[in-house]
Amino acid sequence: MLGWLLLSGTTPASAHAQLVLANPKAKSVLYVLPAQIKLMFSDDLIDLDAGNQIQVVDPRGKRIDTGAIALLGNQLSTGLKQSTLLGRYSVTYRVLSEDGHPVSASYYFTLTKKPKQK
């Protein structure tokens, strides 16, 4: 049976890179906007011009990411412009998996006022 699989050219399907860690996390509530967004994937990413992207949009629909992307193996990050606008921020990413397939998705986090202590 093993010989037949080897001769048939059948290979295991390769998995596309999946987001395994995000900072800030999806659906998190923050009191201060971070200086950058960091994403970690299950596989290394291919480094191609404009192949990997992160866009961050404030509650008014204005982009606040710097546009500069840093890629290191399976980690992708971008800086954020300062903002104190309260509400939901949207993070959209597009990456190229090591197997060459594009993967894209989005999530959000919320910036809110720190509760007053009693």
Protein backbone atom coordinates (compact mmCIF):
# COMPACT_ATOMS: atom_id res chain seq x y z
CA MET A 1 0.00 0.00 0.00
CA LEU A 2 2.79 2.43 0.90
CA GLY A 3 4.50 1.76 -2.42
CA TRP A 4 1.30 2.63 -4.29
CA LEU A 5 1.00 5.95 -2.45
CA LEU A 6 4.61 6.80 -3.27
CA LEU A 7 4.16 5.92 -6.94
CA SER A 8 0.85 7.75 -7.27
CA GLY A 9 2.45 11.04 -6.25
CA THR A 10 -0.09 11.55 -3.48
CA THR A 11 1.19 13.91 -0.83
CA PRO A 12 -0.50 15.18 2.30
CA ALA A 13 -2.45 18.40 1.80
CA SER A 14 -0.60 21.43 3.05
CA ALA A 15 -2.42 23.66 5.47
CA HIS A 16 -2.71 27.37 4.97
CA ALA A 17 -1.31 29.70 7.62
CA GLN A 18 -3.83 30.35 10.37
CA LEU A 19 -3.78 33.21 12.84
CA VAL A 20 -2.77 31.75 16.21
CA LEU A 21 -2.04 34.90 18.22
CA ALA A 22 -2.96 38.55 17.86
CA ASN A 23 -1.92 41.53 19.95
CA PRO A 24 -4.29 43.10 20.68
CA LYS A 25 -6.57 40.07 20.77
CA ALA A 26 -9.83 39.83 18.86
CA LYS A 27 -12.80 41.32 20.75
CA SER A 28 -10.51 42.72 23.45
CA VAL A 29 -11.33 45.92 25.34
CA LEU A 30 -8.41 48.34 25.71
CA TYR A 31 -7.95 51.57 27.63
CA VAL A 32 -4.92 52.69 25.61
CA LEU A 33 -4.29 52.16 21.91
CA PRO A 34 -1.14 50.06 21.39
CA ALA A 35 1.79 51.40 19.35
CA GLN A 36 1.57 48.43 16.97
CA ILE A 37 -0.42 45.39 15.88
CA LYS A 38 1.37 42.03 16.03
CA LEU A 39 0.03 38.89 14.38
CA MET A 40 1.49 35.37 14.66
CA PHE A 41 0.55 32.58 12.24
CA SER A 42 0.80 28.79 12.30
CA ASP A 43 3.30 28.77 9.38
CA ASP A 44 6.00 31.03 8.03
CA LEU A 45 4.84 33.62 5.53
CA ILE A 46 6.25 34.36 2.08
CA ASP A 47 7.94 37.75 1.85
CA LEU A 48 6.63 39.35 -1.36
CA ASP A 49 6.05 43.03 -2.06
CA ALA A 50 2.47 43.91 -1.13
CA GLY A 51 1.72 40.22 -0.48
CA ASN A 52 1.33 40.69 3.27
CA GLN A 53 -0.82 43.50 4.59
CA ILE A 54 -2.38 44.75 7.79
CA GLN A 55 -4.90 47.59 7.79
CA VAL A 56 -6.32 49.12 10.95
CA VAL A 57 -9.35 51.38 10.76
CA ASP A 58 -10.70 53.57 13.57
CA PRO A 59 -14.43 53.86 14.46
CA ARG A 60 -14.85 56.67 11.89
CA GLY A 61 -13.39 54.55 9.07
CA LYS A 62 -10.00 56.30 8.93
CA ARG A 63 -6.87 54.15 8.52
CA ILE A 64 -4.51 54.50 11.47
CA ASP A 65 -1.86 51.92 10.51
CA THR A 66 1.44 53.35 9.30
CA GLY A 67 1.41 51.14 6.19
CA ALA A 68 4.91 49.81 6.95
CA ILE A 69 4.89 46.03 7.49
CA ALA A 70 7.53 44.05 9.36
CA LEU A 71 7.75 40.31 8.60
CA LEU A 72 9.81 37.85 10.60
CA GLY A 73 9.09 34.19 9.84
CA ASN A 74 5.52 33.62 10.99
CA GLN A 75 5.07 37.06 12.58
CA LEU A 76 3.70 40.19 10.93
CA SER A 77 3.40 43.63 12.51
CA THR A 78 2.65 47.24 11.69
CA GLY A 79 2.83 50.47 13.67
CA LEU A 80 -0.21 52.53 14.58
CA LYS A 81 -0.73 56.28 14.53
CA GLN A 82 -1.86 57.76 17.83
CA SER A 83 -5.59 57.90 18.43
CA THR A 84 -7.81 58.49 21.44
CA LEU A 85 -11.07 57.98 19.55
CA LEU A 86 -13.25 55.63 21.57
CA GLY A 87 -15.06 52.76 19.87
CA ARG A 88 -14.47 49.72 17.68
CA TYR A 89 -11.24 49.40 15.68
CA SER A 90 -11.13 46.98 12.79
CA VAL A 91 -8.01 44.96 11.88
CA THR A 92 -7.91 43.40 8.40
CA TYR A 93 -5.00 41.28 7.23
CA ARG A 94 -3.92 39.45 4.10
CA VAL A 95 -0.91 37.14 4.17
CA LEU A 96 0.76 34.66 1.84
CA SER A 97 1.17 31.22 3.37
CA GLU A 98 4.40 29.32 2.91
CA ASP A 99 2.43 27.10 0.48
CA GLY A 100 1.71 30.19 -1.68
CA HIS A 101 -1.97 30.57 -0.85
CA PRO A 102 -3.34 33.94 0.31
CA VAL A 103 -5.19 34.02 3.61
CA SER A 104 -7.27 36.99 4.69
CA ALA A 105 -9.60 37.81 7.56
CA SER A 106 -10.48 40.57 9.97
CA TYR A 107 -11.29 41.10 13.61
CA TYR A 108 -11.95 44.01 15.94
CA PHE A 109 -11.01 45.39 19.32
CA THR A 110 -12.59 48.21 21.31
CA LEU A 111 -10.97 51.29 22.83
CA THR A 112 -12.87 52.61 25.83
CA LYS A 113 -12.40 54.85 28.87
CA LYS A 114 -10.88 53.31 31.93
CA PRO A 115 -13.60 52.87 34.57
CA LYS A 116 -13.38 55.21 37.54
CA GLN A 117 -12.36 53.52 40.73
CA LYS A 118 -14.66 53.99 43.72
